[in-house]
Amino acid sequence: VVGDANQTIYSFAGAQANYLLDFSRRFP
């Protein structure tokens, strides 16, 4: 996965940066 949580600008449309932020928790 590739991304930047500090470029999350579509929350109003349902985007959730938590999946990126939690990636290391899901895949230790």
PDB file of all heavy atoms in Angstrom:
ATOM      1  N   VAL A   1       0.854  -1.190   0.000  1.00  0.00           N
ATOM      2  CA  VAL A   1       0.000   0.000   0.000  1.00  0.00           C
ATOM      3  C   VAL A   1       0.888   1.238   0.000  1.00  0.00           C
ATOM      4  O   VAL A   1       1.964   1.252   0.589  1.00  0.00           O
ATOM      5  CB  VAL A   1      -0.959   0.028   1.207  1.00  0.00           C
ATOM      6  CG1 VAL A   1      -1.869  -1.184   1.188  1.00  0.00           C
ATOM      7  CG2 VAL A   1      -0.205   0.119   2.525  1.00  0.00           C
ATOM      8  N   VAL A   2       0.396   2.275  -0.679  1.00  0.00           N
ATOM      9  CA  VAL A   2       1.142   3.527  -0.803  1.00  0.00           C
ATOM     10  C   VAL A   2       0.202   4.672  -0.473  1.00  0.00           C
ATOM     11  O   VAL A   2      -0.921   4.743  -0.991  1.00  0.00           O
ATOM     12  CB  VAL A   2       1.683   3.718  -2.240  1.00  0.00           C
ATOM     13  CG1 VAL A   2       2.586   4.949  -2.300  1.00  0.00           C
ATOM     14  CG2 VAL A   2       2.423   2.484  -2.703  1.00  0.00           C
ATOM     15  N   GLY A   3       0.634   5.591   0.380  1.00  0.00           N
ATOM     16  CA  GLY A   3      -0.235   6.718   0.703  1.00  0.00           C
ATOM     17  C   GLY A   3       0.422   7.714   1.634  1.00  0.00           C
ATOM     18  O   GLY A   3       1.566   7.543   2.059  1.00  0.00           O
ATOM     19  N   ASP A   4      -0.322   8.747   1.947  1.00  0.00           N
ATOM     20  CA  ASP A   4       0.136   9.813   2.843  1.00  0.00           C
ATOM     21  C   ASP A   4      -1.087  10.314   3.603  1.00  0.00           C
ATOM     22  O   ASP A   4      -1.962  10.962   3.025  1.00  0.00           O
ATOM     23  CB  ASP A   4       0.774  10.948   2.037  1.00  0.00           C
ATOM     24  CG  ASP A   4       1.251  12.106   2.913  1.00  0.00           C
ATOM     25  OD1 ASP A   4       1.151  12.006   4.151  1.00  0.00           O
ATOM     26  OD2 ASP A   4       1.713  13.123   2.358  1.00  0.00           O
ATOM     27  N   ALA A   5      -1.158  10.009   4.882  1.00  0.00           N
ATOM     28  CA  ALA A   5      -2.332  10.396   5.677  1.00  0.00           C
ATOM     29  C   ALA A   5      -2.523  11.901   5.698  1.00  0.00           C
ATOM     30  O   ALA A   5      -3.643  12.386   5.884  1.00  0.00           O
ATOM     31  CB  ALA A   5      -2.186   9.868   7.105  1.00  0.00           C
ATOM     32  N   ASN A   6      -1.449  12.649   5.493  1.00  0.00           N
ATOM     33  CA  ASN A   6      -1.561  14.103   5.506  1.00  0.00           C
ATOM     34  C   ASN A   6      -2.015  14.679   4.172  1.00  0.00           C
ATOM     35  O   ASN A   6      -2.010  15.895   3.982  1.00  0.00           O
ATOM     36  CB  ASN A   6      -0.228  14.726   5.944  1.00  0.00           C
ATOM     37  CG  ASN A   6       0.007  14.522   7.430  1.00  0.00           C
ATOM     38  OD1 ASN A   6      -0.679  15.097   8.252  1.00  0.00           O
ATOM     39  ND2 ASN A   6       0.953  13.660   7.768  1.00  0.00           N
ATOM     40  N   GLN A   7      -2.406  13.798   3.249  1.00  0.00           N
ATOM     41  CA  GLN A   7      -3.081  14.237   2.034  1.00  0.00           C
ATOM     42  C   GLN A   7      -4.502  13.670   1.972  1.00  0.00           C
ATOM     43  O   GLN A   7      -5.094  13.577   0.899  1.00  0.00           O
ATOM     44  CB  GLN A   7      -2.288  13.823   0.793  1.00  0.00           C
ATOM     45  CG  GLN A   7      -0.944  14.541   0.662  1.00  0.00           C
ATOM     46  CD  GLN A   7      -0.284  14.302  -0.675  1.00  0.00           C
ATOM     47  OE1 GLN A   7      -0.768  14.725  -1.724  1.00  0.00           O
ATOM     48  NE2 GLN A   7       0.844  13.598  -0.656  1.00  0.00           N
ATOM     49  N   THR A   8      -5.067  13.329   3.130  1.00  0.00           N
ATOM     50  CA  THR A   8      -6.456  12.856   3.203  1.00  0.00           C
ATOM     51  C   THR A   8      -7.376  14.060   3.117  1.00  0.00           C
ATOM     52  O   THR A   8      -7.492  14.836   4.055  1.00  0.00           O
ATOM     53  CB  THR A   8      -6.699  12.110   4.530  1.00  0.00           C
ATOM     54  OG1 THR A   8      -5.757  11.047   4.648  1.00  0.00           O
ATOM     55  CG2 THR A   8      -8.117  11.554   4.570  1.00  0.00           C
ATOM     56  N   ILE A   9      -8.052  14.229   1.977  1.00  0.00           N
ATOM     57  CA  ILE A   9      -8.930  15.393   1.779  1.00  0.00           C
ATOM     58  C   ILE A   9     -10.317  14.985   1.277  1.00  0.00           C
ATOM     59  O   ILE A   9     -11.093  15.838   0.861  1.00  0.00           O
ATOM     60  CB  ILE A   9      -8.296  16.399   0.790  1.00  0.00           C
ATOM     61  CG1 ILE A   9      -8.057  15.747  -0.579  1.00  0.00           C
ATOM     62  CG2 ILE A   9      -7.010  16.988   1.353  1.00  0.00           C
ATOM     63  CD1 ILE A   9      -7.610  16.726  -1.659  1.00  0.00           C
ATOM     64  N   TYR A  10     -10.624  13.678   1.361  1.00  0.00           N
ATOM     65  CA  TYR A  10     -11.922  13.217   0.873  1.00  0.00           C
ATOM     66  C   TYR A  10     -12.728  12.502   1.958  1.00  0.00           C
ATOM     67  O   TYR A  10     -13.536  11.625   1.662  1.00  0.00           O
ATOM     68  CB  TYR A  10     -11.733  12.278  -0.329  1.00  0.00           C
ATOM     69  CG  TYR A  10     -11.130  12.945  -1.529  1.00  0.00           C
ATOM     70  CD1 TYR A  10      -9.830  12.646  -1.935  1.00  0.00           C
ATOM     71  CD2 TYR A  10     -11.846  13.892  -2.255  1.00  0.00           C
ATOM     72  CE1 TYR A  10      -9.271  13.270  -3.041  1.00  0.00           C
ATOM     73  CE2 TYR A  10     -11.288  14.516  -3.360  1.00  0.00           C
ATOM     74  CZ  TYR A  10     -10.000  14.203  -3.742  1.00  0.00           C
ATOM     75  OH  TYR A  10      -9.448  14.818  -4.835  1.00  0.00           O
ATOM     76  N   SER A  11     -12.560  12.889   3.209  1.00  0.00           N
ATOM     77  CA  SER A  11     -13.334  12.272   4.286  1.00  0.00           C
ATOM     78  C   SER A  11     -14.832  12.456   4.071  1.00  0.00           C
ATOM     79  O   SER A  11     -15.632  11.591   4.426  1.00  0.00           O
ATOM     80  CB  SER A  11     -12.930  12.872   5.632  1.00  0.00           C
ATOM     81  OG  SER A  11     -11.583  12.565   5.923  1.00  0.00           O
ATOM     82  N   PHE A  12     -15.215  13.594   3.475  1.00  0.00           N
ATOM     83  CA  PHE A  12     -16.637  13.854   3.236  1.00  0.00           C
ATOM     84  C   PHE A  12     -17.255  12.818   2.308  1.00  0.00           C
ATOM     85  O   PHE A  12     -18.473  12.621   2.287  1.00  0.00           O
ATOM     86  CB  PHE A  12     -16.841  15.258   2.655  1.00  0.00           C
ATOM     87  CG  PHE A  12     -16.234  15.442   1.294  1.00  0.00           C
ATOM     88  CD1 PHE A  12     -16.956  15.170   0.147  1.00  0.00           C
ATOM     89  CD2 PHE A  12     -14.930  15.900   1.156  1.00  0.00           C
ATOM     90  CE1 PHE A  12     -16.401  15.329  -1.111  1.00  0.00           C
ATOM     91  CE2 PHE A  12     -14.364  16.072  -0.100  1.00  0.00           C
ATOM     92  CZ  PHE A  12     -15.098  15.779  -1.236  1.00  0.00           C
ATOM     93  N   ALA A  13     -16.426  12.139   1.506  1.00  0.00           N
ATOM     94  CA  ALA A  13     -16.925  11.122   0.578  1.00  0.00           C
ATOM     95  C   ALA A  13     -16.735   9.711   1.118  1.00  0.00           C
ATOM     96  O   ALA A  13     -17.018   8.744   0.410  1.00  0.00           O
ATOM     97  CB  ALA A  13     -16.220  11.251  -0.771  1.00  0.00           C
ATOM     98  N   GLY A  14     -16.262   9.595   2.363  1.00  0.00           N
ATOM     99  CA  GLY A  14     -16.124   8.279   2.977  1.00  0.00           C
ATOM    100  C   GLY A  14     -14.704   7.793   3.156  1.00  0.00           C
ATOM    101  O   GLY A  14     -14.482   6.739   3.765  1.00  0.00           O
ATOM    102  N   ALA A  15     -13.701   8.519   2.640  1.00  0.00           N
ATOM    103  CA  ALA A  15     -12.314   8.083   2.776  1.00  0.00           C
ATOM    104  C   ALA A  15     -11.915   8.049   4.249  1.00  0.00           C
ATOM    105  O   ALA A  15     -12.292   8.923   5.030  1.00  0.00           O
ATOM    106  CB  ALA A  15     -11.393   9.028   2.011  1.00  0.00           C
ATOM    107  N   GLN A  16     -11.136   7.020   4.614  1.00  0.00           N
ATOM    108  CA  GLN A  16     -10.686   6.880   5.995  1.00  0.00           C
ATOM    109  C   GLN A  16      -9.199   6.557   6.010  1.00  0.00           C
ATOM    110  O   GLN A  16      -8.784   5.482   5.550  1.00  0.00           O
ATOM    111  CB  GLN A  16     -11.477   5.790   6.717  1.00  0.00           C
ATOM    112  CG  GLN A  16     -12.941   6.139   6.922  1.00  0.00           C
ATOM    113  CD  GLN A  16     -13.649   5.163   7.842  1.00  0.00           C
ATOM    114  OE1 GLN A  16     -13.032   4.306   8.480  1.00  0.00           O
ATOM    115  NE2 GLN A  16     -14.956   5.289   7.917  1.00  0.00           N
ATOM    116  N   ALA A  17      -8.419   7.473   6.563  1.00  0.00           N
ATOM    117  CA  ALA A  17      -6.969   7.269   6.623  1.00  0.00           C
ATOM    118  C   ALA A  17      -6.579   6.219   7.653  1.00  0.00           C
ATOM    119  O   ALA A  17      -5.427   5.778   7.684  1.00  0.00           O
ATOM    120  CB  ALA A  17      -6.275   8.593   6.938  1.00  0.00           C
ATOM    121  N   ASN A  18      -7.524   5.785   8.498  1.00  0.00           N
ATOM    122  CA  ASN A  18      -7.191   4.825   9.553  1.00  0.00           C
ATOM    123  C   ASN A  18      -6.651   3.518   9.001  1.00  0.00           C
ATOM    124  O   ASN A  18      -5.843   2.845   9.658  1.00  0.00           O
ATOM    125  CB  ASN A  18      -8.420   4.538  10.426  1.00  0.00           C
ATOM    126  CG  ASN A  18      -8.762   5.698  11.334  1.00  0.00           C
ATOM    127  OD1 ASN A  18      -7.927   6.583  11.555  1.00  0.00           O
ATOM    128  ND2 ASN A  18      -9.970   5.716  11.848  1.00  0.00           N
ATOM    129  N   TYR A  19      -7.087   3.129   7.806  1.00  0.00           N
ATOM    130  CA  TYR A  19      -6.589   1.881   7.239  1.00  0.00           C
ATOM    131  C   TYR A  19      -5.085   1.983   6.965  1.00  0.00           C
ATOM    132  O   TYR A  19      -4.347   1.012   7.180  1.00  0.00           O
ATOM    133  CB  TYR A  19      -7.339   1.533   5.954  1.00  0.00           C
ATOM    134  CG  TYR A  19      -8.823   1.352   6.171  1.00  0.00           C
ATOM    135  CD1 TYR A  19      -9.753   2.152   5.519  1.00  0.00           C
ATOM    136  CD2 TYR A  19      -9.298   0.387   7.049  1.00  0.00           C
ATOM    137  CE1 TYR A  19     -11.121   1.994   5.723  1.00  0.00           C
ATOM    138  CE2 TYR A  19     -10.664   0.220   7.260  1.00  0.00           C
ATOM    139  CZ  TYR A  19     -11.568   1.033   6.602  1.00  0.00           C
ATOM    140  OH  TYR A  19     -12.917   0.876   6.814  1.00  0.00           O
ATOM    141  N   LEU A  20      -4.639   3.141   6.516  1.00  0.00           N
ATOM    142  CA  LEU A  20      -3.209   3.363   6.321  1.00  0.00           C
ATOM    143  C   LEU A  20      -2.501   3.457   7.668  1.00  0.00           C
ATOM    144  O   LEU A  20      -1.442   2.848   7.875  1.00  0.00           O
ATOM    145  CB  LEU A  20      -2.993   4.640   5.505  1.00  0.00           C
ATOM    146  CG  LEU A  20      -1.538   5.081   5.290  1.00  0.00           C
ATOM    147  CD1 LEU A  20      -0.778   4.041   4.476  1.00  0.00           C
ATOM    148  CD2 LEU A  20      -1.496   6.437   4.584  1.00  0.00           C
ATOM    149  N   LEU A  21      -3.083   4.208   8.600  1.00  0.00           N
ATOM    150  CA  LEU A  21      -2.457   4.408   9.908  1.00  0.00           C
ATOM    151  C   LEU A  21      -2.365   3.107  10.703  1.00  0.00           C
ATOM    152  O   LEU A  21      -1.435   2.925  11.502  1.00  0.00           O
ATOM    153  CB  LEU A  21      -3.247   5.447  10.700  1.00  0.00           C
ATOM    154  CG  LEU A  21      -3.293   6.859  10.091  1.00  0.00           C
ATOM    155  CD1 LEU A  21      -4.276   7.736  10.851  1.00  0.00           C
ATOM    156  CD2 LEU A  21      -1.909   7.488  10.084  1.00  0.00           C
ATOM    157  N   ASP A  22      -3.319   2.197  10.493  1.00  0.00           N
ATOM    158  CA  ASP A  22      -3.364   0.945  11.254  1.00  0.00           C
ATOM    159  C   ASP A  22      -2.700  -0.223  10.526  1.00  0.00           C
ATOM    160  O   ASP A  22      -2.768  -1.364  10.999  1.00  0.00           O
ATOM    161  CB  ASP A  22      -4.818   0.565  11.563  1.00  0.00           C
ATOM    162  CG  ASP A  22      -5.465   1.519  12.552  1.00  0.00           C
ATOM    163  OD1 ASP A  22      -4.731   2.171  13.317  1.00  0.00           O
ATOM    164  OD2 ASP A  22      -6.715   1.624  12.543  1.00  0.00           O
ATOM    165  N   PHE A  23      -2.072   0.034   9.389  1.00  0.00           N
ATOM    166  CA  PHE A  23      -1.537  -1.062   8.575  1.00  0.00           C
ATOM    167  C   PHE A  23      -0.530  -1.905   9.362  1.00  0.00           C
ATOM    168  O   PHE A  23      -0.571  -3.146   9.324  1.00  0.00           O
ATOM    169  CB  PHE A  23      -0.887  -0.502   7.309  1.00  0.00           C
ATOM    170  CG  PHE A  23      -0.531  -1.552   6.291  1.00  0.00           C
ATOM    171  CD1 PHE A  23      -1.485  -2.032   5.412  1.00  0.00           C
ATOM    172  CD2 PHE A  23       0.755  -2.062   6.215  1.00  0.00           C
ATOM    173  CE1 PHE A  23      -1.166  -3.011   4.474  1.00  0.00           C
ATOM    174  CE2 PHE A  23       1.091  -3.033   5.278  1.00  0.00           C
ATOM    175  CZ  PHE A  23       0.129  -3.512   4.410  1.00  0.00           C
ATOM    176  N   SER A  24       0.357  -1.248  10.094  1.00  0.00           N
ATOM    177  CA  SER A  24       1.380  -1.989  10.847  1.00  0.00           C
ATOM    178  C   SER A  24       0.784  -2.770  12.006  1.00  0.00           C
ATOM    179  O   SER A  24       1.364  -3.758  12.460  1.00  0.00           O
ATOM    180  CB  SER A  24       2.452  -1.021  11.364  1.00  0.00           C
ATOM    181  OG  SER A  24       3.157  -0.448  10.290  1.00  0.00           O
ATOM    182  N   ARG A  25      -0.361  -2.332  12.531  1.00  0.00           N
ATOM    183  CA  ARG A  25      -1.030  -3.097  13.585  1.00  0.00           C
ATOM    184  C   ARG A  25      -1.652  -4.364  13.009  1.00  0.00           C
ATOM    185  O   ARG A  25      -1.616  -5.430  13.631  1.00  0.00           O
ATOM    186  CB  ARG A  25      -2.109  -2.246  14.244  1.00  0.00           C
ATOM    187  CG  ARG A  25      -1.573  -1.033  14.997  1.00  0.00           C
ATOM    188  CD  ARG A  25      -2.698  -0.262  15.666  1.00  0.00           C
ATOM    189  NE  ARG A  25      -2.201   0.937  16.327  1.00  0.00           N
ATOM    190  CZ  ARG A  25      -2.974   1.812  16.968  1.00  0.00           C
ATOM    191  NH1 ARG A  25      -4.285   1.601  17.032  1.00  0.00           N
ATOM    192  NH2 ARG A  25      -2.448   2.880  17.534  1.00  0.00           N
ATOM    193  N   ARG A  26      -2.231  -4.229  11.812  1.00  0.00           N
ATOM    194  CA  ARG A  26      -2.848  -5.397  11.192  1.00  0.00           C
ATOM    195  C   ARG A  26      -1.792  -6.381  10.717  1.00  0.00           C
ATOM    196  O   ARG A  26      -1.980  -7.599  10.808  1.00  0.00           O
ATOM    197  CB  ARG A  26      -3.719  -4.955  10.021  1.00  0.00           C
ATOM    198  CG  ARG A  26      -4.383  -6.119   9.316  1.00  0.00           C
ATOM    199  CD  ARG A  26      -5.306  -5.678   8.217  1.00  0.00           C
ATOM    200  NE  ARG A  26      -5.889  -6.822   7.551  1.00  0.00           N
ATOM    201  CZ  ARG A  26      -6.708  -6.754   6.516  1.00  0.00           C
ATOM    202  NH1 ARG A  26      -7.059  -5.565   6.033  1.00  0.00           N
ATOM    203  NH2 ARG A  26      -7.196  -7.842   5.962  1.00  0.00           N
ATOM    204  N   PHE A  27      -0.675  -5.833  10.187  1.00  0.00           N
ATOM    205  CA  PHE A  27       0.418  -6.674   9.696  1.00  0.00           C
ATOM    206  C   PHE A  27       1.684  -6.319  10.477  1.00  0.00           C
ATOM    207  O   PHE A  27       2.493  -5.486  10.026  1.00  0.00           O
ATOM    208  CB  PHE A  27       0.634  -6.461   8.202  1.00  0.00           C
ATOM    209  CG  PHE A  27      -0.562  -6.768   7.344  1.00  0.00           C
ATOM    210  CD1 PHE A  27      -1.331  -5.742   6.806  1.00  0.00           C
ATOM    211  CD2 PHE A  27      -0.920  -8.079   7.070  1.00  0.00           C
ATOM    212  CE1 PHE A  27      -2.422  -6.016   6.004  1.00  0.00           C
ATOM    213  CE2 PHE A  27      -2.020  -8.364   6.267  1.00  0.00           C
ATOM    214  CZ  PHE A  27      -2.773  -7.340   5.738  1.00  0.00           C
ATOM    215  N   PRO A  28       1.879  -6.904  11.646  1.00  0.00           N
ATOM    216  CA  PRO A  28       3.032  -6.527  12.492  1.00  0.00           C
ATOM    217  C   PRO A  28       4.379  -6.721  11.818  1.00  0.00           C
ATOM    218  O   PRO A  28       5.356  -6.049  12.180  1.00  0.00           O
ATOM    219  CB  PRO A  28       2.879  -7.456  13.710  1.00  0.00           C
ATOM    220  CG  PRO A  28       1.427  -7.826  13.730  1.00  0.00           C
ATOM    221  CD  PRO A  28       1.021  -7.901  12.293  1.00  0.00           C
TER     222      PRO A  28
END
